[in-house]
Amino acid sequence: MASTIRRPSRVAKLPPRERILDAAEELFQSEGIRRVGVQAIAKRAETTKMAIYRHFETKDALVAEWMRIVAADYQAAFDRVQMEHPGQPREQILGLARFIADGLPAISHRGCPFINSLAELSDRSHPARQVIEKHKAHQTHRLVGMCAEAGLPDPEQAAAEITFVLEGAQVSTQNGSIDRAGDRLMRIVEGIVDRHRSPLGASKATGD
């Protein structure tokens, strides 16, 4: 299994740019963006600062590229649930919730990379923060689309409620305040979807 391969032997097989990104991800996740310098990344990647700057103009550019990779994993989850459940938007939404639920154990000890990064990047003009904000907007747009296809009368409201639950579950898992977060997450999301689909939910959404 890949997880049993020692990191040095695995990293040695990676191209230089991927080796740098691999090292940056490990250090940013475990120690934080601000605390990790380019020299530490170079040492971890078994390369030099000069080599890093050949691939990434600045440390900020490296952080932004890491965020693009993380965002791509989440967007791939949307693609995957749509392929696995064609024409079944309710199952797509639940599949997305399951993706988040299954990832909660890792978040419990490393934290969500988006949440952790936003906490450190107060400057709204930082390139990595812009990547995160663009990703979140695109993610919301896709979720609204799923809710609309599921026939929910107020897809934007339903998507907002689901987003609050998905992101809240990650924060609660990170701070250890809620037990069985994954199971609770799935039940809540299913309840949101079914409530919005019900005649009562539809009448409330339209103000009747």
Protein backbone atom coordinates (compact mmCIF):
# COMPACT_ATOMS: atom_id res chain seq x y z
CA MET A 1 0.00 0.00 0.00
CA ALA A 2 1.14 3.54 -0.75
CA SER A 3 0.78 4.60 2.88
CA THR A 4 3.44 2.09 3.95
CA ILE A 5 6.12 3.57 1.72
CA ARG A 6 8.62 5.65 3.69
CA ARG A 7 8.42 9.33 2.85
CA PRO A 8 12.07 9.78 1.74
CA SER A 9 11.86 6.98 -0.82
CA ARG A 10 8.50 8.24 -2.08
CA VAL A 11 9.59 11.88 -2.32
CA ALA A 12 12.79 10.94 -4.15
CA LYS A 13 10.67 9.68 -7.05
CA LEU A 14 8.71 12.94 -7.43
CA PRO A 15 9.66 15.64 -9.97
CA PRO A 16 11.18 18.75 -8.32
CA ARG A 17 8.04 20.91 -8.47
CA GLU A 18 5.83 18.17 -6.98
CA ARG A 19 8.47 17.45 -4.33
CA ILE A 20 8.37 21.10 -3.26
CA LEU A 21 4.58 21.13 -3.11
CA ASP A 22 4.55 17.87 -1.15
CA ALA A 23 6.95 19.31 1.42
CA ALA A 24 5.06 22.60 1.61
CA GLU A 25 1.77 20.82 2.21
CA GLU A 26 3.18 18.75 5.07
CA LEU A 27 4.76 21.75 6.77
CA PHE A 28 1.89 24.18 6.21
CA GLN A 29 -0.57 21.63 7.60
CA SER A 30 1.47 20.70 10.64
CA GLU A 31 3.09 24.03 11.55
CA GLY A 32 1.11 26.77 9.80
CA ILE A 33 1.84 29.02 6.85
CA ARG A 34 3.46 31.90 8.73
CA ARG A 35 5.78 29.74 10.83
CA VAL A 36 7.22 27.87 7.86
CA GLY A 37 9.99 29.53 5.90
CA VAL A 38 11.26 28.77 2.41
CA GLN A 39 14.46 27.29 3.84
CA ALA A 40 12.47 24.76 5.88
CA ILE A 41 10.51 23.77 2.77
CA ALA A 42 13.73 23.37 0.79
CA LYS A 43 15.21 21.14 3.48
CA ARG A 44 12.06 19.03 3.66
CA ALA A 45 11.94 18.71 -0.14
CA GLU A 46 15.67 17.88 -0.28
CA THR A 47 16.33 20.80 -2.61
CA THR A 48 17.47 24.44 -2.40
CA LYS A 49 15.79 27.82 -1.93
CA MET A 50 16.99 28.78 -5.39
CA ALA A 51 15.24 25.75 -6.86
CA ILE A 52 12.00 26.70 -5.11
CA TYR A 53 12.15 30.23 -6.52
CA ARG A 54 12.68 28.80 -9.99
CA HIS A 55 9.28 27.14 -9.73
CA PHE A 56 7.47 29.68 -7.54
CA GLU A 57 8.23 33.39 -7.70
CA THR A 58 7.40 33.92 -4.03
CA LYS A 59 6.35 31.96 -0.96
CA ASP A 60 2.88 33.48 -1.39
CA ALA A 61 2.71 31.99 -4.88
CA LEU A 62 3.63 28.58 -3.43
CA VAL A 63 0.88 28.87 -0.80
CA ALA A 64 -1.63 29.82 -3.51
CA GLU A 65 -0.68 26.83 -5.62
CA TRP A 66 -1.11 24.54 -2.62
CA MET A 67 -4.59 25.99 -2.10
CA ARG A 68 -5.43 25.35 -5.78
CA ILE A 69 -4.52 21.69 -5.31
CA VAL A 70 -6.68 21.40 -2.18
CA ALA A 71 -9.57 23.16 -3.96
CA ALA A 72 -9.23 20.82 -6.93
CA ASP A 73 -9.74 17.83 -4.61
CA TYR A 74 -13.05 19.30 -3.44
CA GLN A 75 -14.18 20.11 -6.97
CA ALA A 76 -13.29 16.55 -7.97
CA ALA A 77 -15.68 15.35 -5.27
CA PHE A 78 -18.49 17.25 -6.99
CA ASP A 79 -17.55 15.68 -10.32
CA ARG A 80 -17.39 12.23 -8.78
CA VAL A 81 -20.83 12.31 -7.11
CA GLN A 82 -22.40 13.61 -10.31
CA MET A 83 -20.83 10.74 -12.27
CA GLU A 84 -21.82 8.14 -9.66
CA HIS A 85 -25.43 9.38 -9.39
CA PRO A 86 -26.42 10.73 -12.81
CA GLY A 87 -29.86 12.33 -12.79
CA GLN A 88 -30.13 11.85 -8.98
CA PRO A 89 -29.40 15.26 -7.44
CA ARG A 90 -30.56 14.23 -3.97
CA GLU A 91 -28.04 11.38 -3.94
CA GLN A 92 -25.40 13.75 -5.31
CA ILE A 93 -25.94 16.12 -2.40
CA LEU A 94 -25.76 13.27 0.10
CA GLY A 95 -22.67 11.92 -1.65
CA LEU A 96 -21.01 15.29 -1.21
CA ALA A 97 -21.95 15.30 2.47
CA ARG A 98 -20.49 11.79 2.78
CA PHE A 99 -17.22 13.04 1.24
CA ILE A 100 -16.98 15.67 3.97
CA ALA A 101 -18.05 13.22 6.69
CA ASP A 102 -15.43 10.68 5.63
CA GLY A 103 -12.74 13.38 5.78
CA LEU A 104 -13.54 14.47 9.34
CA PRO A 105 -11.10 12.06 11.07
CA ALA A 106 -8.18 13.70 9.28
CA ILE A 107 -9.48 17.15 10.18
CA SER A 108 -9.67 16.15 13.86
CA HIS A 109 -5.88 16.23 14.16
CA ARG A 110 -4.75 18.40 11.25
CA GLY A 111 -7.61 20.82 10.81
CA CYS A 112 -9.28 22.02 7.63
CA PRO A 113 -6.65 23.57 5.34
CA PHE A 114 -9.07 26.30 4.23
CA ILE A 115 -10.04 27.27 7.78
CA ASN A 116 -6.46 27.15 9.00
CA SER A 117 -5.20 29.20 6.06
CA LEU A 118 -7.90 31.86 6.30
CA ALA A 119 -7.07 32.31 9.99
CA GLU A 120 -3.51 33.18 9.01
CA LEU A 121 -4.20 35.21 5.86
CA SER A 122 -5.94 38.36 7.04
CA ASP A 123 -5.01 40.30 3.88
CA ARG A 124 -7.90 39.88 1.45
CA SER A 125 -5.53 40.56 -1.44
CA HIS A 126 -3.26 37.60 -0.61
CA PRO A 127 -3.23 35.30 -3.67
CA ALA A 128 -3.98 32.19 -1.60
CA ARG A 129 -6.96 33.86 0.08
CA GLN A 130 -8.27 34.85 -3.34
CA VAL A 131 -7.97 31.21 -4.45
CA ILE A 132 -9.99 30.10 -1.42
CA GLU A 133 -12.70 32.72 -1.90
CA LYS A 134 -13.05 31.89 -5.60
CA HIS A 135 -13.23 28.18 -4.79
CA LYS A 136 -15.89 28.69 -2.11
CA ALA A 137 -18.00 30.80 -4.46
CA HIS A 138 -17.75 28.16 -7.20
CA GLN A 139 -18.56 25.40 -4.70
CA THR A 140 -21.68 27.27 -3.55
CA HIS A 141 -22.75 27.81 -7.17
CA ARG A 142 -22.50 24.08 -7.87
CA LEU A 143 -24.37 23.17 -4.70
CA VAL A 144 -27.17 25.62 -5.54
CA GLY A 145 -27.39 23.92 -8.94
CA MET A 146 -27.75 20.51 -7.32
CA CYS A 147 -30.49 21.82 -5.02
CA ALA A 148 -32.32 23.34 -7.99
CA GLU A 149 -32.10 20.06 -9.92
CA ALA A 150 -33.46 18.27 -6.85
CA GLY A 151 -36.58 20.41 -7.15
CA LEU A 152 -36.06 22.33 -3.92
CA PRO A 153 -38.23 25.47 -4.06
CA ASP A 154 -35.51 27.74 -2.61
CA PRO A 155 -32.21 26.22 -3.75
CA GLU A 156 -30.11 29.12 -2.50
CA GLN A 157 -31.50 28.82 1.02
CA ALA A 158 -31.10 25.04 1.00
CA ALA A 159 -27.51 25.35 -0.25
CA ALA A 160 -26.76 27.90 2.46
CA GLU A 161 -28.09 25.60 5.18
CA ILE A 162 -26.12 22.65 3.82
CA THR A 163 -22.97 24.75 3.58
CA PHE A 164 -23.36 25.92 7.18
CA VAL A 165 -23.66 22.29 8.28
CA LEU A 166 -20.72 21.02 6.21
CA GLU A 167 -18.38 23.78 7.32
CA GLY A 168 -19.67 23.78 10.89
CA ALA A 169 -19.03 20.04 11.16
CA GLN A 170 -15.42 20.60 10.16
CA VAL A 171 -14.92 23.32 12.76
CA SER A 172 -16.65 21.27 15.47
CA THR A 173 -14.50 18.26 14.62
CA GLN A 174 -11.39 20.40 14.71
CA ASN A 175 -12.16 21.74 18.20
CA GLY A 176 -13.58 18.43 19.46
CA SER A 177 -16.88 19.90 20.65
CA ILE A 178 -19.24 17.37 19.00
CA ASP A 179 -19.01 13.57 19.05
CA ARG A 180 -20.05 11.37 16.12
CA ALA A 181 -19.88 14.44 13.89
CA GLY A 182 -19.93 12.43 10.66
CA ASP A 183 -23.13 10.56 11.51
CA ARG A 184 -24.82 13.73 12.74
CA LEU A 185 -23.72 15.58 9.60
CA MET A 186 -25.34 13.01 7.33
CA ARG A 187 -28.62 13.03 9.25
CA ILE A 188 -28.83 16.83 9.28
CA VAL A 189 -28.10 17.21 5.55
CA GLU A 190 -30.64 14.53 4.68
CA GLY A 191 -33.16 16.32 6.89
CA ILE A 192 -32.49 19.65 5.17
CA VAL A 193 -33.01 18.19 1.71
CA ASP A 194 -36.16 16.30 2.64
CA ARG A 195 -37.65 19.24 4.54
CA HIS A 196 -37.16 21.54 1.57
CA ARG A 197 -38.71 18.95 -0.73
CA SER A 198 -41.79 18.44 1.44
CA PRO A 199 -45.05 20.38 0.80
CA LEU A 200 -44.65 22.07 4.21
CA GLY A 201 -41.09 23.09 3.42
CA ALA A 202 -42.14 24.40 0.02
CA SER A 203 -44.93 26.52 1.49
CA LYS A 204 -42.56 28.00 4.06
CA ALA A 205 -39.99 28.78 1.38
CA THR A 206 -42.55 30.71 -0.64
CA GLY A 207 -43.95 32.48 2.41
CA ASP A 208 -47.40 30.84 2.28
